Amino acid sequence: MNKDRMEGHWKELKGQALQKWADLTDDDLDRVNGRRTELVGMIQKRYGKAKEQADREVSEWLNSLAEPAGTGAR
């Protein structure tokens, strides 16, 4: 999923982001508002992760959303 699609579908993705990163709050995700860089920064802050690690997690999460159901497991 690309950046534009993430921003355009943020309301639907927000619940899935909460499931993935349970330490984030609704307010955190409202501030993110679909901006990938903001999400990476929020994950860094809440989880104490390096930028590269948080960025990789977001990329993997977005890629998993783009896969058809049932093909993400290996």
Protein backbone atom coordinates (compact mmCIF):
# COMPACT_ATOMS: atom_id res chain seq x y z
CA MET A 1 0.00 0.00 0.00
CA ASN A 2 1.44 3.33 -0.95
CA LYS A 3 1.52 6.56 1.04
CA ASP A 4 -1.45 8.16 -0.74
CA ARG A 5 -3.64 5.12 -0.20
CA MET A 6 -2.67 4.99 3.49
CA GLU A 7 -3.74 8.61 3.97
CA GLY A 8 -6.94 8.09 1.98
CA HIS A 9 -7.95 4.96 3.91
CA TRP A 10 -6.73 5.99 7.35
CA LYS A 11 -10.13 5.74 9.03
CA GLU A 12 -10.35 2.06 8.04
CA LEU A 13 -6.68 1.38 8.82
CA LYS A 14 -6.72 3.05 12.21
CA GLY A 15 -8.38 0.08 13.94
CA GLN A 16 -5.86 -2.32 12.43
CA ALA A 17 -3.02 -0.07 13.57
CA LEU A 18 -4.44 -0.15 17.11
CA GLN A 19 -4.43 -3.95 17.00
CA LYS A 20 -0.83 -4.03 15.78
CA TRP A 21 0.50 -1.37 18.16
CA ALA A 22 -1.69 -1.59 21.26
CA ASP A 23 0.34 1.02 23.17
CA LEU A 24 -0.81 3.70 20.74
CA THR A 25 -3.97 5.55 21.67
CA ASP A 26 -6.86 6.79 19.55
CA ASP A 27 -5.52 10.31 20.09
CA ASP A 28 -2.07 9.24 18.86
CA LEU A 29 -3.56 7.80 15.70
CA ASP A 30 -5.79 10.84 15.20
CA ARG A 31 -2.62 12.96 15.24
CA VAL A 32 -0.96 10.60 12.75
CA ASN A 33 -3.94 11.03 10.41
CA GLY A 34 -2.56 8.59 7.86
CA ARG A 35 0.88 10.15 7.58
CA ARG A 36 3.46 7.38 7.47
CA THR A 37 6.29 9.48 8.90
CA GLU A 38 4.11 10.48 11.85
CA LEU A 39 3.20 6.84 12.51
CA VAL A 40 6.86 5.81 12.47
CA GLY A 41 7.68 8.61 14.92
CA MET A 42 4.83 7.66 17.23
CA ILE A 43 5.94 4.02 17.28
CA GLN A 44 9.50 5.15 18.05
CA LYS A 45 8.26 7.27 20.95
CA ARG A 46 5.84 4.76 22.50
CA TYR A 47 7.97 1.64 22.07
CA GLY A 48 11.48 3.10 22.34
CA LYS A 49 12.48 1.70 18.96
CA ALA A 50 15.07 2.96 16.51
CA LYS A 51 13.70 4.85 13.53
CA GLU A 52 14.84 2.11 11.13
CA GLN A 53 13.10 -0.60 13.16
CA ALA A 54 9.85 1.38 13.43
CA ASP A 55 10.00 2.18 9.71
CA ARG A 56 10.50 -1.51 8.88
CA GLU A 57 7.52 -2.49 11.05
CA VAL A 58 5.28 0.03 9.29
CA SER A 59 6.47 -1.17 5.88
CA GLU A 60 5.81 -4.81 6.78
CA TRP A 61 2.39 -3.92 8.18
CA LEU A 62 1.41 -1.98 5.07
CA ASN A 63 2.65 -4.79 2.82
CA SER A 64 0.61 -7.32 4.79
CA LEU A 65 -2.51 -5.19 4.25
CA ALA A 66 -1.92 -5.18 0.51
CA GLU A 67 -1.74 -8.99 0.30
CA PRO A 68 -4.90 -10.96 -0.40
CA ALA A 69 -6.32 -12.66 2.67
CA GLY A 70 -4.58 -15.89 3.57
CA THR A 71 -1.34 -15.21 1.70
CA GLY A 72 0.50 -13.36 4.45
CA ALA A 73 1.46 -16.45 6.47
CA ARG A 74 4.59 -18.31 5.57
